[in-house]
Amino acid sequence: QAQLAEFGGGLVQAGESLRLSCVASGRIVNPDWMHWYRQAPGKQREWVAGINRDGSDANIFDNVRGRFTISRDNAKNTVYLQMNSLQPEDTGVYYCFTTRGVFAYWGQGTQVTVSS
């Protein structure tokens, strides 16, 4: 069974950091591109960051560039999102996403709440 599972969300104060993890299992072990999305309350889901299989290419949403970093460890089938200097507007549910062939996979999401 193919699955993505996110970990690491929580409640933090503005200026603090969190590291999210997403573990891939089943038929989606070590996929090509892996991405993070987020969805704030009452807003559409938005793309945050993406990284290719060997980590040589990574892209970050302009609004979080300089504060967020995406990385991956293929030996652990895991992609990370390091989030520094968190702000209240970063609050939302963070999702991991990937594709394999014609199939798209989402994790269940992990809640990040940043208090001011």
N, C-alpha and C. Protein backbone atom coordinates (compact mmCIF):
# COMPACT_ATOMS: atom_id res chain seq x y z
N GLN A 1 0.84 -1.18 0.00
CA GLN A 1 0.00 0.00 0.00
C GLN A 1 0.88 1.23 0.00
N ALA A 2 0.60 2.16 -0.91
CA ALA A 2 1.38 3.39 -1.00
C ALA A 2 0.88 4.39 0.02
N GLN A 3 1.80 5.05 0.69
CA GLN A 3 1.39 5.96 1.75
C GLN A 3 2.44 7.03 2.00
N LEU A 4 1.95 8.23 2.33
CA LEU A 4 2.79 9.31 2.81
C LEU A 4 2.31 9.67 4.21
N ALA A 5 3.23 9.83 5.13
CA ALA A 5 2.84 10.15 6.50
C ALA A 5 3.70 11.31 6.99
N GLU A 6 3.04 12.39 7.43
CA GLU A 6 3.73 13.58 7.91
C GLU A 6 3.81 13.56 9.43
N PHE A 7 4.89 14.15 9.93
CA PHE A 7 5.12 14.26 11.36
C PHE A 7 5.76 15.60 11.65
N GLY A 8 5.65 16.04 12.90
CA GLY A 8 6.44 17.18 13.34
C GLY A 8 5.70 18.48 13.54
N GLY A 9 4.41 18.51 13.25
CA GLY A 9 3.67 19.74 13.47
C GLY A 9 3.51 20.03 14.96
N GLY A 10 2.99 21.21 15.25
CA GLY A 10 2.77 21.56 16.64
C GLY A 10 2.42 23.02 16.80
N LEU A 11 2.38 23.45 18.05
CA LEU A 11 2.09 24.83 18.41
C LEU A 11 3.38 25.50 18.85
N VAL A 12 3.75 26.58 18.18
CA VAL A 12 4.96 27.31 18.53
C VAL A 12 4.65 28.80 18.57
N GLN A 13 5.57 29.56 19.12
CA GLN A 13 5.44 31.02 19.13
C GLN A 13 6.16 31.60 17.92
N ALA A 14 5.76 32.77 17.55
CA ALA A 14 6.41 33.46 16.43
C ALA A 14 7.91 33.55 16.67
N GLY A 15 8.66 33.28 15.62
CA GLY A 15 10.11 33.32 15.70
C GLY A 15 10.76 31.97 15.98
N GLU A 16 9.96 30.99 16.37
CA GLU A 16 10.50 29.67 16.67
C GLU A 16 10.56 28.82 15.39
N SER A 17 11.06 27.60 15.55
CA SER A 17 11.29 26.71 14.41
C SER A 17 10.59 25.38 14.61
N LEU A 18 10.31 24.73 13.49
CA LEU A 18 9.81 23.36 13.47
C LEU A 18 10.44 22.65 12.28
N ARG A 19 10.60 21.34 12.40
CA ARG A 19 11.00 20.53 11.27
C ARG A 19 9.94 19.47 11.03
N LEU A 20 9.36 19.51 9.86
CA LEU A 20 8.37 18.52 9.45
C LEU A 20 9.07 17.38 8.70
N SER A 21 8.53 16.19 8.88
CA SER A 21 9.02 15.01 8.17
C SER A 21 7.88 14.37 7.42
N CYS A 22 8.21 13.78 6.29
CA CYS A 22 7.22 13.02 5.51
C CYS A 22 7.88 11.72 5.09
N VAL A 23 7.31 10.62 5.51
CA VAL A 23 7.86 9.30 5.22
C VAL A 23 7.02 8.63 4.14
N ALA A 24 7.69 8.20 3.09
CA ALA A 24 7.01 7.48 2.00
C ALA A 24 7.16 5.98 2.20
N SER A 25 6.11 5.25 1.89
CA SER A 25 6.17 3.80 2.04
C SER A 25 5.39 3.13 0.92
N GLY A 26 5.59 1.82 0.81
CA GLY A 26 4.89 1.07 -0.22
C GLY A 26 5.46 1.35 -1.59
N ARG A 27 4.61 1.50 -2.57
CA ARG A 27 5.05 1.64 -3.96
C ARG A 27 5.61 3.01 -4.28
N ILE A 28 5.59 3.94 -3.34
CA ILE A 28 6.11 5.28 -3.61
C ILE A 28 7.41 5.54 -2.86
N VAL A 29 8.15 4.51 -2.55
CA VAL A 29 9.46 4.69 -1.93
C VAL A 29 10.37 5.42 -2.91
N ASN A 30 11.02 6.48 -2.39
CA ASN A 30 11.95 7.29 -3.17
C ASN A 30 11.40 7.73 -4.53
N PRO A 31 10.29 8.43 -4.53
CA PRO A 31 9.75 8.92 -5.80
C PRO A 31 10.62 10.04 -6.36
N ASP A 32 10.27 10.51 -7.53
CA ASP A 32 11.04 11.58 -8.15
C ASP A 32 10.84 12.85 -7.33
N TRP A 33 10.03 13.77 -7.79
CA TRP A 33 9.80 15.01 -7.04
C TRP A 33 8.88 14.77 -5.85
N MET A 34 9.23 15.40 -4.74
CA MET A 34 8.36 15.40 -3.57
C MET A 34 8.12 16.86 -3.17
N HIS A 35 6.93 17.12 -2.70
CA HIS A 35 6.53 18.50 -2.44
C HIS A 35 5.87 18.63 -1.07
N TRP A 36 5.93 19.85 -0.57
CA TRP A 36 5.14 20.26 0.59
C TRP A 36 4.12 21.31 0.14
N TYR A 37 2.90 21.16 0.62
CA TYR A 37 1.84 22.14 0.44
C TYR A 37 1.34 22.53 1.82
N ARG A 38 0.60 23.62 1.88
CA ARG A 38 -0.06 23.99 3.13
C ARG A 38 -1.41 24.60 2.83
N GLN A 39 -2.26 24.51 3.83
CA GLN A 39 -3.60 25.08 3.70
C GLN A 39 -3.96 25.79 4.99
N ALA A 40 -4.11 27.10 4.88
CA ALA A 40 -4.52 27.90 6.02
C ALA A 40 -6.04 27.87 6.14
N PRO A 41 -6.57 28.14 7.34
CA PRO A 41 -8.03 28.12 7.51
C PRO A 41 -8.72 29.08 6.55
N GLY A 42 -9.70 28.57 5.83
CA GLY A 42 -10.47 29.40 4.91
C GLY A 42 -9.78 29.75 3.62
N LYS A 43 -8.60 29.16 3.37
CA LYS A 43 -7.85 29.48 2.16
C LYS A 43 -7.60 28.22 1.34
N GLN A 44 -7.21 28.43 0.10
CA GLN A 44 -6.89 27.30 -0.76
C GLN A 44 -5.53 26.72 -0.40
N ARG A 45 -5.37 25.47 -0.72
CA ARG A 45 -4.08 24.83 -0.50
C ARG A 45 -3.05 25.45 -1.44
N GLU A 46 -1.85 25.72 -0.91
CA GLU A 46 -0.81 26.33 -1.72
C GLU A 46 0.48 25.54 -1.63
N TRP A 47 1.21 25.55 -2.74
CA TRP A 47 2.49 24.87 -2.81
C TRP A 47 3.52 25.66 -2.00
N VAL A 48 4.38 24.93 -1.29
CA VAL A 48 5.40 25.56 -0.46
C VAL A 48 6.81 25.27 -0.96
N ALA A 49 7.09 24.00 -1.28
CA ALA A 49 8.46 23.63 -1.66
C ALA A 49 8.45 22.29 -2.38
N GLY A 50 9.47 22.07 -3.20
CA GLY A 50 9.62 20.80 -3.89
C GLY A 50 11.09 20.45 -4.04
N ILE A 51 11.38 19.16 -4.13
CA ILE A 51 12.76 18.70 -4.26
C ILE A 51 12.79 17.46 -5.14
N ASN A 52 13.81 17.37 -5.99
CA ASN A 52 13.90 16.20 -6.87
C ASN A 52 14.55 15.02 -6.14
N ARG A 53 14.66 13.90 -6.86
CA ARG A 53 15.02 12.65 -6.20
C ARG A 53 16.38 12.70 -5.52
N ASP A 54 17.38 13.25 -6.19
CA ASP A 54 18.71 13.23 -5.58
C ASP A 54 19.02 14.50 -4.81
N GLY A 55 18.04 15.39 -4.72
CA GLY A 55 18.24 16.60 -3.94
C GLY A 55 19.03 17.69 -4.64
N SER A 56 19.33 17.49 -5.92
CA SER A 56 20.14 18.47 -6.64
C SER A 56 19.33 19.69 -7.09
N ASP A 57 18.03 19.58 -7.04
CA ASP A 57 17.16 20.69 -7.47
C ASP A 57 16.05 20.84 -6.44
N ALA A 58 15.94 22.03 -5.91
CA ALA A 58 14.90 22.32 -4.92
C ALA A 58 14.34 23.71 -5.18
N ASN A 59 13.05 23.85 -4.98
CA ASN A 59 12.38 25.12 -5.20
C ASN A 59 11.57 25.47 -3.96
N ILE A 60 11.55 26.75 -3.65
CA ILE A 60 10.86 27.25 -2.46
C ILE A 60 9.93 28.39 -2.87
N PHE A 61 8.75 28.40 -2.30
CA PHE A 61 7.79 29.47 -2.50
C PHE A 61 8.42 30.80 -2.07
N ASP A 62 8.24 31.84 -2.87
CA ASP A 62 8.87 33.12 -2.59
C ASP A 62 8.55 33.64 -1.19
N ASN A 63 7.34 33.42 -0.73
CA ASN A 63 6.93 33.98 0.56
C ASN A 63 7.66 33.36 1.74
N VAL A 64 8.28 32.20 1.55
CA VAL A 64 8.97 31.55 2.67
C VAL A 64 10.46 31.37 2.40
N ARG A 65 10.90 31.81 1.23
CA ARG A 65 12.32 31.64 0.91
C ARG A 65 13.17 32.40 1.92
N GLY A 66 14.25 31.75 2.34
CA GLY A 66 15.12 32.34 3.35
C GLY A 66 14.75 31.89 4.76
N ARG A 67 13.52 31.36 4.92
CA ARG A 67 13.11 30.85 6.23
C ARG A 67 12.88 29.34 6.20
N PHE A 68 12.41 28.82 5.09
CA PHE A 68 12.12 27.39 4.95
C PHE A 68 13.16 26.73 4.06
N THR A 69 13.49 25.49 4.39
CA THR A 69 14.41 24.68 3.58
C THR A 69 13.84 23.29 3.42
N ILE A 70 13.88 22.77 2.21
CA ILE A 70 13.44 21.40 1.96
C ILE A 70 14.66 20.52 1.71
N SER A 71 14.61 19.31 2.21
CA SER A 71 15.69 18.35 2.00
C SER A 71 15.10 16.95 2.03
N ARG A 72 15.90 15.96 1.67
CA ARG A 72 15.40 14.59 1.71
C ARG A 72 16.53 13.63 2.04
N ASP A 73 16.15 12.50 2.62
CA ASP A 73 17.07 11.43 2.95
C ASP A 73 16.49 10.17 2.33
N ASN A 74 17.01 9.76 1.18
CA ASN A 74 16.44 8.62 0.48
C ASN A 74 16.66 7.31 1.23
N ALA A 75 17.70 7.24 2.03
CA ALA A 75 17.92 6.03 2.82
C ALA A 75 16.80 5.83 3.83
N LYS A 76 16.16 6.92 4.23
CA LYS A 76 15.06 6.86 5.19
C LYS A 76 13.70 7.10 4.52
N ASN A 77 13.72 7.22 3.19
CA ASN A 77 12.47 7.47 2.45
C ASN A 77 11.72 8.67 3.00
N THR A 78 12.46 9.71 3.34
CA THR A 78 11.88 10.83 4.07
C THR A 78 12.27 12.16 3.42
N VAL A 79 11.30 13.06 3.36
CA VAL A 79 11.55 14.44 2.95
C VAL A 79 11.25 15.34 4.15
N TYR A 80 12.03 16.39 4.30
CA TYR A 80 11.93 17.28 5.44
C TYR A 80 11.58 18.69 4.99
N LEU A 81 10.94 19.41 5.89
CA LEU A 81 10.74 20.85 5.71
C LEU A 81 11.18 21.53 7.00
N GLN A 82 12.32 22.18 6.92
CA GLN A 82 12.82 22.94 8.06
C GLN A 82 12.24 24.33 7.98
N MET A 83 11.53 24.74 9.03
CA MET A 83 10.84 26.03 9.04
C MET A 83 11.39 26.86 10.19
N ASN A 84 12.05 27.94 9.85
CA ASN A 84 12.63 28.85 10.84
C ASN A 84 11.87 30.18 10.85
N SER A 85 12.04 30.91 11.92
CA SER A 85 11.42 32.24 12.04
C SER A 85 9.93 32.17 11.67
N LEU A 86 9.24 31.22 12.24
CA LEU A 86 7.83 31.03 11.90
C LEU A 86 7.01 32.25 12.30
N GLN A 87 6.01 32.53 11.48
CA GLN A 87 5.12 33.67 11.69
C GLN A 87 3.68 33.17 11.75
N PRO A 88 2.78 33.94 12.35
CA PRO A 88 1.37 33.51 12.43
C PRO A 88 0.77 33.16 11.07
N GLU A 89 1.22 33.83 10.02
CA GLU A 89 0.67 33.54 8.69
C GLU A 89 1.15 32.20 8.15
N ASP A 90 2.08 31.55 8.83
CA ASP A 90 2.50 30.20 8.43
C ASP A 90 1.57 29.13 9.01
N THR A 91 0.63 29.53 9.82
CA THR A 91 -0.31 28.59 10.41
C THR A 91 -1.12 27.88 9.34
N GLY A 92 -1.28 26.57 9.51
CA GLY A 92 -2.08 25.79 8.58
C GLY A 92 -1.77 24.31 8.71
N VAL A 93 -2.41 23.54 7.87
CA VAL A 93 -2.12 22.12 7.77
C VAL A 93 -1.13 21.93 6.64
N TYR A 94 -0.05 21.24 6.93
CA TYR A 94 1.02 21.01 5.96
C TYR A 94 0.93 19.58 5.43
N TYR A 95 0.93 19.47 4.11
CA TYR A 95 0.76 18.19 3.44
C TYR A 95 1.98 17.86 2.59
N CYS A 96 2.27 16.60 2.54
CA CYS A 96 3.28 16.05 1.65
C CYS A 96 2.58 15.53 0.40
N PHE A 97 3.23 15.67 -0.75
CA PHE A 97 2.61 15.26 -2.01
C PHE A 97 3.66 14.72 -2.96
N THR A 98 3.27 13.67 -3.70
CA THR A 98 4.12 13.17 -4.77
C THR A 98 3.27 12.45 -5.80
N THR A 99 3.89 12.13 -6.90
CA THR A 99 3.23 11.36 -7.95
C THR A 99 4.10 10.18 -8.33
N ARG A 100 3.45 9.17 -8.85
CA ARG A 100 4.16 8.02 -9.41
C ARG A 100 3.33 7.52 -10.58
N GLY A 101 3.87 7.73 -11.77
CA GLY A 101 3.08 7.41 -12.95
C GLY A 101 1.86 8.32 -13.01
N VAL A 102 0.70 7.74 -13.17
CA VAL A 102 -0.53 8.51 -13.26
C VAL A 102 -1.18 8.72 -11.90
N PHE A 103 -0.56 8.24 -10.86
CA PHE A 103 -1.16 8.32 -9.53
C PHE A 103 -0.56 9.48 -8.73
N ALA A 104 -1.42 10.14 -7.98
CA ALA A 104 -1.02 11.22 -7.09
C ALA A 104 -1.28 10.80 -5.65
N TYR A 105 -0.37 11.17 -4.76
CA TYR A 105 -0.48 10.76 -3.36
C TYR A 105 -0.34 11.97 -2.45
N TRP A 106 -1.23 12.04 -1.48
CA TRP A 106 -1.20 13.05 -0.43
C TRP A 106 -1.08 12.38 0.92
N GLY A 107 -0.37 13.02 1.82
CA GLY A 107 -0.39 12.58 3.20
C GLY A 107 -1.63 13.10 3.89
N GLN A 108 -1.77 12.74 5.16
CA GLN A 108 -2.97 13.15 5.92
C GLN A 108 -2.83 14.56 6.47
N GLY A 109 -1.62 15.10 6.43
CA GLY A 109 -1.39 16.46 6.90
C GLY A 109 -0.98 16.52 8.36
N THR A 110 -0.24 17.57 8.68
CA THR A 110 0.15 17.81 10.06
C THR A 110 -0.09 19.29 10.36
N GLN A 111 -0.69 19.57 11.50
CA GLN A 111 -1.09 20.94 11.85
C GLN A 111 0.10 21.72 12.40
N VAL A 112 0.28 22.91 11.86
CA VAL A 112 1.26 23.86 12.38
C VAL A 112 0.50 25.11 12.82
N THR A 113 0.67 25.48 14.06
CA THR A 113 0.02 26.68 14.59
C THR A 113 1.08 27.58 15.20
N VAL A 114 1.11 28.82 14.72
CA VAL A 114 2.10 29.79 15.19
C VAL A 114 1.35 30.92 15.89
N SER A 115 1.63 31.09 17.16
CA SER A 115 0.98 32.15 17.93
C SER A 115 1.84 33.40 17.93
N SER A 116 1.20 34.53 18.00
CA SER A 116 1.93 35.82 17.98
C SER A 116 2.31 36.26 19.38
